[in-house]
Structure formats: C-alpha cells, structure tokens
Amino acid sequence: MVEATQTLLINDFSGGLILRDAEIALPLNETPRAYNFEIVTQTGLQKINGFENLFEFSFPSHISWDYVDVYTDDDLNYSIIGVSYPNIYLINPVSGAYELIGTGLHSIGEPIGVEANGGYFLVDGANAPRYIYKKTVTTVTWPPVYTNNNNASGNLDESPYATAANPVASTVGFPSVVAFHANRIWLGGDASNPRRLYVSKIGNVSNFSSNNPLDFDIAFFVDMPVVRPTVALKVLSNKNLIVYCDNQIVVVQGINPPGTAYPQPHFSFEVLNSELGCLSKYLVQAKGDNDHYFVSNQGRIFQLSSTDNFQDAKPFGLTHKIFPLLQQYDNEVFKRGRLINFPLKGELQFWFPSKTTKRYPDQALVLSYGDQPSSETWSLIKEFDKDENILKLRSFYLDRVTNELVIVTDKAFLQINKGFNFNGNPIKSIYQLATLDFGQPNNTKQITNITVNARSSSGTTVKVKHTWENGASGSEDVQIPALPNSFWGEAEWGVDIWLSSAGLPIVSKKFTPANPTGKYLKLFIEHTSDSEDLIIDSIVIDFQVIGKE
C-alpha cells in the first residue's frame, strides 16, 4: 500500500511587472509582449478613490498605533487589539471606542500576535509575552524555568534534539514571532537564541516550563537543526508549521514532542529550502488554508502551496527572475513593507516605500489572483500621498463583519478606495500599461491613432502620455464628458461615497500622438482630480510597421 504524503510547492510570482491599475486584463502570458493591441479591462480602469477615516473622531495625542489585530473571545465578542507603547487597548470595531486593558511594555518592539484558545497571544521581541483573555492581560512567566532537564532520557532525547541543556535564564531573550499550532503556542525569533523554538503545553498556552517526561502533556524548547535565525512562523493546512528563516524554510510536522517517552508521530523538522527565506514577519500572509504568500530574501514574491500527492516534500517552481521595478530597491526597503491578503477582492497587496529614504510604504504592488489565478502580472498603485507623515502604515486587519480591508496608520483607521482624497490632499492616479512591442520587437512602428474608450458620471479630463525607447514622447489631454444618467438607473449609497457607473454609455476619444514612431511603447494615463470619477473600458492603438533593423 502506498501512503499519500503532503507535498509543498513554491511558485514564483516574477514572470513580469505591469505598471498598471489592477483591473486591466491582459491575456495570459502577454507581458511584456502585446499580441492584442486593444487593451481591454474586465471591470473598468477605475480611479483609486483614496482613504476614508473609519471612525468619526480622532485618537488623542498620546496614542500612536504600533500594531492592531482582530480578536474574537470565547463569548464571541469581536474586538480589536491595539498596541500603542507602552499600552494595550481593546477597541470597538464599529464605534472605535477604546479601553486601556494593559500597560508596562517598556520599550518599542515589533508586535505580532495570534488568537489561541479564546484568547490572544502577543509578542514583540522586546518584552515578556502577553496573553489577553477577554479584557485581562496576563504577563507570561519569562524566561521559562524548566522542571526537568530538556535532554534527559525520555524527554527530548532524540537526535539531533538531545544536545540542548536547560538554558540559563540570563541567556534567554524575548520571542518576536508566534504561531498557534497543534493546540500549542510556538514562539521563536529570540535574538539570543535565533534557532530556538519555545513550545507551550497543550491547551495551557501560557505555560512554557513544565516538561516532566512522565506527563504526556509537556512544554519544551528545541534548537532547530538549521543555521539561520527564525523570521516568521505560519501554520499551513493545519498539518504543518512553516518556520521562515532569513534564507531557509523549515517544515514542522508531527503531534508529540521528539522524545522516546511520547508516541509517534513526533515533531520533526525538515529543511524545505536552504537558499530561500522570508524577509520579515510582516511579509508572509496565508491565502486560505493551503497557501502562503511571502516576500523572499531575494526580493521576489513566492507562493508556498500544500497539495496531496505521492511525492516527497520539495520546492517547486523556483526561478531566478526578478521584477524589473524591484531591482532599484534593496531588502532593507522591503523590510519596511507589509504584505496584505484581501480575500474579498481576491488581491495580494505588497506595500513598500517608493524610495530608500522613506520609512513608511507609499505604494503597493497588487496581484489580482481572483480574476487571474495563473497570472504572474502585477499592478502598481503609486503615490498614495507624497507626505510620509500623513500616511504612516503601521498595520492592517480584515473587518470580520464587512470583510473589508482596514489599514492603520499611527493615528487613524482607514478604509481604502473610499472618498476622493486623504486629509484634504488629492491623490494623483497614474496607470501604466505593459511595455508594448506589438509582437515585432525588431520592427519600427508608427502609431496612427490612440483611442480611449471611457465613461464618467461626473465628467473628467485625463492626460495620456507615451514614451518610446529612443526617448521620444508626447502628451495629450483627453476630455470625458459627464454622463450622469445610467441605463440601469442610479445605484447610490451616499453620493459622496458611491457613484453608479453601471450602464453608462462609453465615450470614444481618438487622437494622433506627437512623436508617434519607435519600437517599444510605454503608455501612461494620469488622473489628478480629487472629485471626478473615471472608468476606462479599453484603449485601442492603431499602428503600422514602417521599417526593420
């Protein structure tokens, strides 16, 4: 009998970068060549409508949010956990009302947490862990004081785990990453012991010390057989704990501690990949139960998938390609970013700074995996705001009532794609199509006409720019008239928030561009209005071949 085992696949999303809005649907594998010169959208090239404050008040000056996450307790009360050093708050997700429930975080760390057994477990790499149950915050005893020798017979006596003696308290640092797996809390990222995992008792997720091998349920620690420090912990398919090191990936499988006192299957540690790792605990996100997305140490985005078949676990689909856009940045810039999975829209968003001098993200790469599950092409949303003091992205969460994405800055909870501006400043939206060689990269082409098919309920003007590889360029202002009457009636909910565009007739605007000759064409559309809507249905480029090298 052949037993089915689980295989882990790694897919590399670096097949090509389209500097464009998320809604353009280019044919599969089209980038960077264009085989079809009518660039058609699926649901419209829509202006990113900025941000809207979720709550109708401002937080006081002494609160500066460092981290937030959602939390549902045993009584099914839905709240938000908010960290603003040195305090911990419980926040009402509807009204924004906040309540101080804990304090004493004595330094600014990098918080992250996980729900566990009806509570919430929080670590930050700078303080003893905290366990939040309802409105009570308990400081977990740290460092653990183990009751028995860790490497005693019957305990963790399986090679290669039997070499670690109980640690001296002064040599134990603070954990910075956490996961809830196999009904235990797993902690890692101890700067003093970068390869070590601390594991709680089953169910008793704040007990890390009791490790008597005569008890079936023990806490334990283990130094993993790897050479790199732990960066992130994430559960995959409820069967595997994935340990992301800075340039390694480790899979933890099993049910019981690795010692002869405990029945099989023991926890085991398998290095899945010894060159690929993750840059930050904020740069790995689960997609459903069987997939992870993560930003790697190689400056690329990967998907780690779990599938059932008859092969051993091994990485698959690794590539040495890289996004052209990302080549101008280094890993220190990416570490300041945030990776966000937005299931409601089927989007993976990678927020990161546009300049090495910026501390906070001000642009986002977007993969629309819902509409293009096999695509490796990305959108780029730029210039949320040029003032990094306004948009200081610290954290985010998915609202458990509306499933909408809320991003959190130091001072505000913001819904994206709401309103037309942020703090009174209009947002410039720039859309760039994939570089077009028209399927004939060696031929010189002449553009005879560019037609923009668009619609707008308010009326607006957009600037269409183009640039050739030889530096020739041109710009044209295209006016889209107001078309307030939808064929299907007005579908509004508060005119300032929602405007209907369903059923609006399409307006075609054609022009002959200046400097129409070249081989490789980049086309930009710039929309600067903070009050006018825009949807582009298609862009048609008429051309003729006039020469060849």
Foldseek 3Di string as FASTA:
>chain_A
DFDWDKAKEKAFLFLEAWAFAQFFDAPFPCPQAHQAQWGFGDFFRWDWQFWDFQAPDWDDPQFFWQEKEWAAAPVRDIWMWTDGPQWIWTAHNRHRDIDTQDGDNPDDFRKDWDDALRWIWIFGQRAAIWIGHPSHIDRFDPPAAAPDWCLDALHQVDPPFNPDTDDDRVQWTTFHEWDQALQWIWTADTPSQQQKIWIAWRVPHSHRHYGDSVDQTGTHMTRDPADFGFAYWDAALSAWIWTFGQAWIKTWGWNGDNHPSYDDPHIDIDTQGRGKGALHRQFWDDDPRFKIWGQIQLRTIMIMGMDIDSDDYYYPHDDDRHYPLRVVDHSVQQHLWGWDQQVVQQKIKIFTPNDPPANAGFKIWIDNCVVPVPHSYIYIWGPSDPDCVQAHFNYWYQDPVPRFIWTDGRIGTIGISWALHGPPAGGKTKGKGRKYQNVPQFFKKFWFKKKWKKAWQQKFKKKKKKAAPVGDIFIDIDTHGHQNQAPVGWDDDPCRTDTDPHRGHIDMDMDHTPPGIHRIMMMMMMGGDSRIIMTIRIMGIDMDTDGGD
